[in-house]
Amino acid sequence: MRSKELSVELRDRIVSRHRSGEGYQNISAALKVPKNPVASIILKWKKIGTTKTPPIAGRCHLKRANHLEVKLNN
């Protein structure tokens, strides 16, 4: 079972503590977050430059629903 996604504020606090020079273990202990999510958030921030979750890949469901509506009306 997957755990819930961390809030944007918490992810930003993790990154700000990392930028101030704190280590992964100290950040995880201070914010009561496991070390692996702290590490993955920091790596994502280094790679992408943001802590926001990107949109899910794939076709937009809204377009597909509109397409079906047009087909049913004809």
PDB file of N, CA and C in Angstrom:
ATOM      1  N   MET A   1       0.838  -1.174   0.000  1.00  0.00           N
ATOM      2  CA  MET A   1       0.000   0.000   0.000  1.00  0.00           C
ATOM      3  C   MET A   1       0.886   1.241   0.000  1.00  0.00           C
ATOM      4  N   ARG A   2       0.536   2.212  -0.845  1.00  0.00           N
ATOM      5  CA  ARG A   2       1.313   3.446  -0.934  1.00  0.00           C
ATOM      6  C   ARG A   2       0.860   4.427   0.126  1.00  0.00           C
ATOM      7  N   SER A   3       1.797   5.231   0.568  1.00  0.00           N
ATOM      8  CA  SER A   3       1.440   6.273   1.530  1.00  0.00           C
ATOM      9  C   SER A   3       0.963   7.508   0.784  1.00  0.00           C
ATOM     10  N   LYS A   4       0.387   8.453   1.526  1.00  0.00           N
ATOM     11  CA  LYS A   4      -0.126   9.663   0.901  1.00  0.00           C
ATOM     12  C   LYS A   4       1.019  10.563   0.453  1.00  0.00           C
ATOM     13  N   GLU A   5       0.721  11.387  -0.520  1.00  0.00           N
ATOM     14  CA  GLU A   5       1.702  12.330  -1.051  1.00  0.00           C
ATOM     15  C   GLU A   5       1.961  13.424  -0.015  1.00  0.00           C
ATOM     16  N   LEU A   6       3.213  13.840   0.112  1.00  0.00           N
ATOM     17  CA  LEU A   6       3.562  14.913   1.039  1.00  0.00           C
ATOM     18  C   LEU A   6       3.070  16.247   0.491  1.00  0.00           C
ATOM     19  N   SER A   7       2.702  17.144   1.385  1.00  0.00           N
ATOM     20  CA  SER A   7       2.191  18.442   0.959  1.00  0.00           C
ATOM     21  C   SER A   7       3.295  19.274   0.309  1.00  0.00           C
ATOM     22  N   VAL A   8       2.893  20.240  -0.491  1.00  0.00           N
ATOM     23  CA  VAL A   8       3.846  21.109  -1.180  1.00  0.00           C
ATOM     24  C   VAL A   8       4.654  21.918  -0.160  1.00  0.00           C
ATOM     25  N   GLU A   9       3.998  22.370   0.908  1.00  0.00           N
ATOM     26  CA  GLU A   9       4.693  23.142   1.940  1.00  0.00           C
ATOM     27  C   GLU A   9       5.795  22.319   2.600  1.00  0.00           C
ATOM     28  N   LEU A  10       5.489  21.045   2.897  1.00  0.00           N
ATOM     29  CA  LEU A  10       6.483  20.183   3.527  1.00  0.00           C
ATOM     30  C   LEU A  10       7.646  19.925   2.579  1.00  0.00           C
ATOM     31  N   ARG A  11       7.356  19.705   1.311  1.00  0.00           N
ATOM     32  CA  ARG A  11       8.430  19.487   0.333  1.00  0.00           C
ATOM     33  C   ARG A  11       9.301  20.734   0.192  1.00  0.00           C
ATOM     34  N   ASP A  12       8.672  21.905   0.225  1.00  0.00           N
ATOM     35  CA  ASP A  12       9.449  23.144   0.156  1.00  0.00           C
ATOM     36  C   ASP A  12      10.322  23.323   1.396  1.00  0.00           C
ATOM     37  N   ARG A  13       9.807  22.927   2.572  1.00  0.00           N
ATOM     38  CA  ARG A  13      10.616  23.008   3.791  1.00  0.00           C
ATOM     39  C   ARG A  13      11.810  22.065   3.729  1.00  0.00           C
ATOM     40  N   ILE A  14      11.593  20.877   3.145  1.00  0.00           N
ATOM     41  CA  ILE A  14      12.697  19.916   2.992  1.00  0.00           C
ATOM     42  C   ILE A  14      13.788  20.518   2.113  1.00  0.00           C
ATOM     43  N   VAL A  15      13.398  21.118   0.997  1.00  0.00           N
ATOM     44  CA  VAL A  15      14.373  21.701   0.075  1.00  0.00           C
ATOM     45  C   VAL A  15      15.086  22.890   0.716  1.00  0.00           C
ATOM     46  N   SER A  16      14.352  23.719   1.449  1.00  0.00           N
ATOM     47  CA  SER A  16      14.998  24.882   2.075  1.00  0.00           C
ATOM     48  C   SER A  16      15.995  24.440   3.146  1.00  0.00           C
ATOM     49  N   ARG A  17      15.677  23.404   3.893  1.00  0.00           N
ATOM     50  CA  ARG A  17      16.640  22.885   4.882  1.00  0.00           C
ATOM     51  C   ARG A  17      17.867  22.301   4.185  1.00  0.00           C
ATOM     52  N   HIS A  18      17.646  21.633   3.051  1.00  0.00           N
ATOM     53  CA  HIS A  18      18.782  21.076   2.305  1.00  0.00           C
ATOM     54  C   HIS A  18      19.680  22.194   1.772  1.00  0.00           C
ATOM     55  N   ARG A  19      19.060  23.261   1.274  1.00  0.00           N
ATOM     56  CA  ARG A  19      19.832  24.380   0.738  1.00  0.00           C
ATOM     57  C   ARG A  19      20.629  25.083   1.832  1.00  0.00           C
ATOM     58  N   SER A  20      20.133  25.026   3.070  1.00  0.00           N
ATOM     59  CA  SER A  20      20.865  25.647   4.171  1.00  0.00           C
ATOM     60  C   SER A  20      22.005  24.764   4.674  1.00  0.00           C
ATOM     61  N   GLY A  21      22.131  23.542   4.138  1.00  0.00           N
ATOM     62  CA  GLY A  21      23.275  22.701   4.464  1.00  0.00           C
ATOM     63  C   GLY A  21      22.972  21.523   5.368  1.00  0.00           C
ATOM     64  N   GLU A  22      21.732  21.299   5.704  1.00  0.00           N
ATOM     65  CA  GLU A  22      21.381  20.165   6.569  1.00  0.00           C
ATOM     66  C   GLU A  22      21.431  18.865   5.783  1.00  0.00           C
ATOM     67  N   GLY A  23      21.758  17.782   6.459  1.00  0.00           N
ATOM     68  CA  GLY A  23      21.821  16.476   5.828  1.00  0.00           C
ATOM     69  C   GLY A  23      20.469  15.791   5.792  1.00  0.00           C
ATOM     70  N   TYR A  24      20.371  14.726   4.998  1.00  0.00           N
ATOM     71  CA  TYR A  24      19.122  13.995   4.834  1.00  0.00           C
ATOM     72  C   TYR A  24      18.593  13.479   6.170  1.00  0.00           C
ATOM     73  N   GLN A  25      19.484  12.894   6.954  1.00  0.00           N
ATOM     74  CA  GLN A  25      19.069  12.283   8.212  1.00  0.00           C
ATOM     75  C   GLN A  25      18.556  13.336   9.197  1.00  0.00           C
ATOM     76  N   ASN A  26      19.219  14.472   9.271  1.00  0.00           N
ATOM     77  CA  ASN A  26      18.773  15.539  10.170  1.00  0.00           C
ATOM     78  C   ASN A  26      17.428  16.112   9.717  1.00  0.00           C
ATOM     79  N   ILE A  27      17.240  16.257   8.408  1.00  0.00           N
ATOM     80  CA  ILE A  27      15.977  16.766   7.876  1.00  0.00           C
ATOM     81  C   ILE A  27      14.849  15.800   8.200  1.00  0.00           C
ATOM     82  N   SER A  28      15.083  14.505   7.973  1.00  0.00           N
ATOM     83  CA  SER A  28      14.039  13.516   8.215  1.00  0.00           C
ATOM     84  C   SER A  28      13.685  13.431   9.697  1.00  0.00           C
ATOM     85  N   ALA A  29      14.655  13.582  10.577  1.00  0.00           N
ATOM     86  CA  ALA A  29      14.380  13.540  12.013  1.00  0.00           C
ATOM     87  C   ALA A  29      13.621  14.784  12.463  1.00  0.00           C
ATOM     88  N   ALA A  30      13.990  15.944  11.937  1.00  0.00           N
ATOM     89  CA  ALA A  30      13.360  17.191  12.359  1.00  0.00           C
ATOM     90  C   ALA A  30      11.910  17.286  11.875  1.00  0.00           C
ATOM     91  N   LEU A  31      11.644  16.814  10.658  1.00  0.00           N
ATOM     92  CA  LEU A  31      10.300  16.940  10.087  1.00  0.00           C
ATOM     93  C   LEU A  31       9.458  15.671  10.231  1.00  0.00           C
ATOM     94  N   LYS A  32      10.054  14.631  10.846  1.00  0.00           N
ATOM     95  CA  LYS A  32       9.364  13.348  11.063  1.00  0.00           C
ATOM     96  C   LYS A  32       8.851  12.746   9.751  1.00  0.00           C
ATOM     97  N   VAL A  33       9.756  12.723   8.775  1.00  0.00           N
ATOM     98  CA  VAL A  33       9.490  12.130   7.466  1.00  0.00           C
ATOM     99  C   VAL A  33      10.592  11.095   7.235  1.00  0.00           C
ATOM    100  N   PRO A  34      10.265   9.910   6.691  1.00  0.00           N
ATOM    101  CA  PRO A  34      11.312   8.921   6.422  1.00  0.00           C
ATOM    102  C   PRO A  34      12.406   9.470   5.504  1.00  0.00           C
ATOM    103  N   LYS A  35      13.595   8.867   5.615  1.00  0.00           N
ATOM    104  CA  LYS A  35      14.756   9.363   4.878  1.00  0.00           C
ATOM    105  C   LYS A  35      14.626   9.185   3.367  1.00  0.00           C
ATOM    106  N   ASN A  36      14.017   8.102   2.914  1.00  0.00           N
ATOM    107  CA  ASN A  36      13.887   7.867   1.474  1.00  0.00           C
ATOM    108  C   ASN A  36      13.056   8.937   0.773  1.00  0.00           C
ATOM    109  N   PRO A  37      11.888   9.330   1.307  1.00  0.00           N
ATOM    110  CA  PRO A  37      11.158  10.420   0.644  1.00  0.00           C
ATOM    111  C   PRO A  37      11.932  11.743   0.647  1.00  0.00           C
ATOM    112  N   VAL A  38      12.669  12.004   1.708  1.00  0.00           N
ATOM    113  CA  VAL A  38      13.486  13.227   1.758  1.00  0.00           C
ATOM    114  C   VAL A  38      14.503  13.202   0.629  1.00  0.00           C
ATOM    115  N   ALA A  39      15.166  12.071   0.472  1.00  0.00           N
ATOM    116  CA  ALA A  39      16.179  11.943  -0.580  1.00  0.00           C
ATOM    117  C   ALA A  39      15.552  12.074  -1.967  1.00  0.00           C
ATOM    118  N   SER A  40      14.397  11.442  -2.179  1.00  0.00           N
ATOM    119  CA  SER A  40      13.775  11.503  -3.501  1.00  0.00           C
ATOM    120  C   SER A  40      13.261  12.906  -3.817  1.00  0.00           C
ATOM    121  N   ILE A  41      12.768  13.622  -2.810  1.00  0.00           N
ATOM    122  CA  ILE A  41      12.308  15.001  -3.029  1.00  0.00           C
ATOM    123  C   ILE A  41      13.480  15.893  -3.409  1.00  0.00           C
ATOM    124  N   ILE A  42      14.596  15.734  -2.734  1.00  0.00           N
ATOM    125  CA  ILE A  42      15.777  16.553  -3.025  1.00  0.00           C
ATOM    126  C   ILE A  42      16.337  16.220  -4.408  1.00  0.00           C
ATOM    127  N   LEU A  43      16.393  14.947  -4.754  1.00  0.00           N
ATOM    128  CA  LEU A  43      16.887  14.563  -6.083  1.00  0.00           C
ATOM    129  C   LEU A  43      15.971  15.090  -7.182  1.00  0.00           C
ATOM    130  N   LYS A  44      14.657  15.023  -6.951  1.00  0.00           N
ATOM    131  CA  LYS A  44      13.696  15.559  -7.913  1.00  0.00           C
ATOM    132  C   LYS A  44      13.875  17.062  -8.062  1.00  0.00           C
ATOM    133  N   TRP A  45      14.094  17.749  -6.955  1.00  0.00           N
ATOM    134  CA  TRP A  45      14.306  19.197  -6.991  1.00  0.00           C
ATOM    135  C   TRP A  45      15.581  19.541  -7.764  1.00  0.00           C
ATOM    136  N   LYS A  46      16.647  18.754  -7.561  1.00  0.00           N
ATOM    137  CA  LYS A  46      17.896  18.999  -8.284  1.00  0.00           C
ATOM    138  C   LYS A  46      17.718  18.763  -9.780  1.00  0.00           C
ATOM    139  N   LYS A  47      16.947  17.744 -10.146  1.00  0.00           N
ATOM    140  CA  LYS A  47      16.790  17.373 -11.551  1.00  0.00           C
ATOM    141  C   LYS A  47      15.826  18.308 -12.289  1.00  0.00           C
ATOM    142  N   ILE A  48      14.652  18.558 -11.683  1.00  0.00           N
ATOM    143  CA  ILE A  48      13.602  19.317 -12.350  1.00  0.00           C
ATOM    144  C   ILE A  48      13.636  20.789 -11.969  1.00  0.00           C
ATOM    145  N   GLY A  49      14.023  21.088 -10.739  1.00  0.00           N
ATOM    146  CA  GLY A  49      14.060  22.465 -10.278  1.00  0.00           C
ATOM    147  C   GLY A  49      12.806  22.899  -9.547  1.00  0.00           C
ATOM    148  N   THR A  50      11.880  21.969  -9.314  1.00  0.00           N
ATOM    149  CA  THR A  50      10.654  22.281  -8.594  1.00  0.00           C
ATOM    150  C   THR A  50      10.252  21.088  -7.736  1.00  0.00           C
ATOM    151  N   THR A  51       9.407  21.334  -6.742  1.00  0.00           N
ATOM    152  CA  THR A  51       8.928  20.241  -5.906  1.00  0.00           C
ATOM    153  C   THR A  51       7.496  19.869  -6.225  1.00  0.00           C
ATOM    154  N   LYS A  52       6.881  20.560  -7.187  1.00  0.00           N
ATOM    155  CA  LYS A  52       5.499  20.258  -7.555  1.00  0.00           C
ATOM    156  C   LYS A  52       5.432  18.951  -8.319  1.00  0.00           C
ATOM    157  N   THR A  53       4.331  18.243  -8.155  1.00  0.00           N
ATOM    158  CA  THR A  53       4.131  16.980  -8.845  1.00  0.00           C
ATOM    159  C   THR A  53       3.735  17.257 -10.295  1.00  0.00           C
ATOM    160  N   PRO A  54       4.433  16.652 -11.256  1.00  0.00           N
ATOM    161  CA  PRO A  54       4.070  16.892 -12.658  1.00  0.00           C
ATOM    162  C   PRO A  54       2.749  16.210 -12.992  1.00  0.00           C
ATOM    163  N   PRO A  55       2.064  16.654 -14.033  1.00  0.00           N
ATOM    164  CA  PRO A  55       0.809  16.011 -14.414  1.00  0.00           C
ATOM    165  C   PRO A  55       1.059  14.576 -14.879  1.00  0.00           C
ATOM    166  N   ILE A  56       0.050  13.753 -14.744  1.00  0.00           N
ATOM    167  CA  ILE A  56       0.163  12.353 -15.132  1.00  0.00           C
ATOM    168  C   ILE A  56       0.238  12.269 -16.658  1.00  0.00           C
ATOM    169  N   ALA A  57       1.116  11.411 -17.154  1.00  0.00           N
ATOM    170  CA  ALA A  57       1.276  11.242 -18.593  1.00  0.00           C
ATOM    171  C   ALA A  57       0.071  10.498 -19.164  1.00  0.00           C
ATOM    172  N   GLY A  58      -0.215  10.753 -20.394  1.00  0.00           N
ATOM    173  CA  GLY A  58      -1.298  10.047 -21.071  1.00  0.00           C
ATOM    174  C   GLY A  58      -2.315  11.002 -21.658  1.00  0.00           C
ATOM    175  N   ARG A  59      -3.232  10.436 -22.359  1.00  0.00           N
ATOM    176  CA  ARG A  59      -4.255  11.227 -23.027  1.00  0.00           C
ATOM    177  C   ARG A  59      -5.213  11.836 -22.011  1.00  0.00           C
ATOM    178  N   CYS A  60      -5.639  13.048 -22.283  1.00  0.00           N
ATOM    179  CA  CYS A  60      -6.572  13.752 -21.415  1.00  0.00           C
ATOM    180  C   CYS A  60      -7.949  13.097 -21.506  1.00  0.00           C
ATOM    181  N   HIS A  61      -8.522  12.761 -20.367  1.00  0.00           N
ATOM    182  CA  HIS A  61      -9.814  12.085 -20.356  1.00  0.00           C
ATOM    183  C   HIS A  61     -10.945  13.000 -20.827  1.00  0.00           C
ATOM    184  N   LEU A  62     -10.810  14.299 -20.627  1.00  0.00           N
ATOM    185  CA  LEU A  62     -11.837  15.245 -21.045  1.00  0.00           C
ATOM    186  C   LEU A  62     -12.005  15.229 -22.563  1.00  0.00           C
ATOM    187  N   LYS A  63     -10.914  15.163 -23.290  1.00  0.00           N
ATOM    188  CA  LYS A  63     -10.988  15.128 -24.752  1.00  0.00           C
ATOM    189  C   LYS A  63     -11.707  13.853 -25.211  1.00  0.00           C
ATOM    190  N   ARG A  64     -11.404  12.769 -24.563  1.00  0.00           N
ATOM    191  CA  ARG A  64     -12.017  11.503 -24.940  1.00  0.00           C
ATOM    192  C   ARG A  64     -13.522  11.551 -24.663  1.00  0.00           C
ATOM    193  N   ALA A  65     -13.921  12.136 -23.552  1.00  0.00           N
ATOM    194  CA  ALA A  65     -15.340  12.243 -23.222  1.00  0.00           C
ATOM    195  C   ALA A  65     -16.058  13.117 -24.242  1.00  0.00           C
ATOM    196  N   ASN A  66     -15.455  14.227 -24.657  1.00  0.00           N
ATOM    197  CA  ASN A  66     -16.063  15.094 -25.661  1.00  0.00           C
ATOM    198  C   ASN A  66     -16.190  14.368 -26.999  1.00  0.00           C
ATOM    199  N   HIS A  67     -15.197  13.580 -27.335  1.00  0.00           N
ATOM    200  CA  HIS A  67     -15.218  12.829 -28.586  1.00  0.00           C
ATOM    201  C   HIS A  67     -16.371  11.827 -28.581  1.00  0.00           C
ATOM    202  N   LEU A  68     -16.593  11.155 -27.464  1.00  0.00           N
ATOM    203  CA  LEU A  68     -17.680  10.194 -27.370  1.00  0.00           C
ATOM    204  C   LEU A  68     -19.036  10.882 -27.456  1.00  0.00           C
ATOM    205  N   GLU A  69     -19.154  12.061 -26.861  1.00  0.00           N
ATOM    206  CA  GLU A  69     -20.410  12.801 -26.926  1.00  0.00           C
ATOM    207  C   GLU A  69     -20.769  13.139 -28.362  1.00  0.00           C
ATOM    208  N   VAL A  70     -19.786  13.578 -29.128  1.00  0.00           N
ATOM    209  CA  VAL A  70     -20.024  13.933 -30.528  1.00  0.00           C
ATOM    210  C   VAL A  70     -20.446  12.705 -31.306  1.00  0.00           C
ATOM    211  N   LYS A  71     -19.821  11.562 -31.056  1.00  0.00           N
ATOM    212  CA  LYS A  71     -20.175  10.333 -31.758  1.00  0.00           C
ATOM    213  C   LYS A  71     -21.598   9.898 -31.430  1.00  0.00           C
ATOM    214  N   LEU A  72     -21.991  10.010 -30.152  1.00  0.00           N
ATOM    215  CA  LEU A  72     -23.324   9.578 -29.747  1.00  0.00           C
ATOM    216  C   LEU A  72     -24.407  10.494 -30.299  1.00  0.00           C
ATOM    217  N   ASN A  73     -24.123  11.772 -30.457  1.00  0.00           N
ATOM    218  CA  ASN A  73     -25.110  12.724 -30.960  1.00  0.00           C
ATOM    219  C   ASN A  73     -25.339  12.570 -32.463  1.00  0.00           C
ATOM    220  N   ASN A  74     -24.385  12.045 -33.193  1.00  0.00           N
ATOM    221  CA  ASN A  74     -24.522  11.908 -34.650  1.00  0.00           C
ATOM    222  C   ASN A  74     -25.276  10.686 -35.011  1.00  0.00           C
TER     223      ASN A  74
END
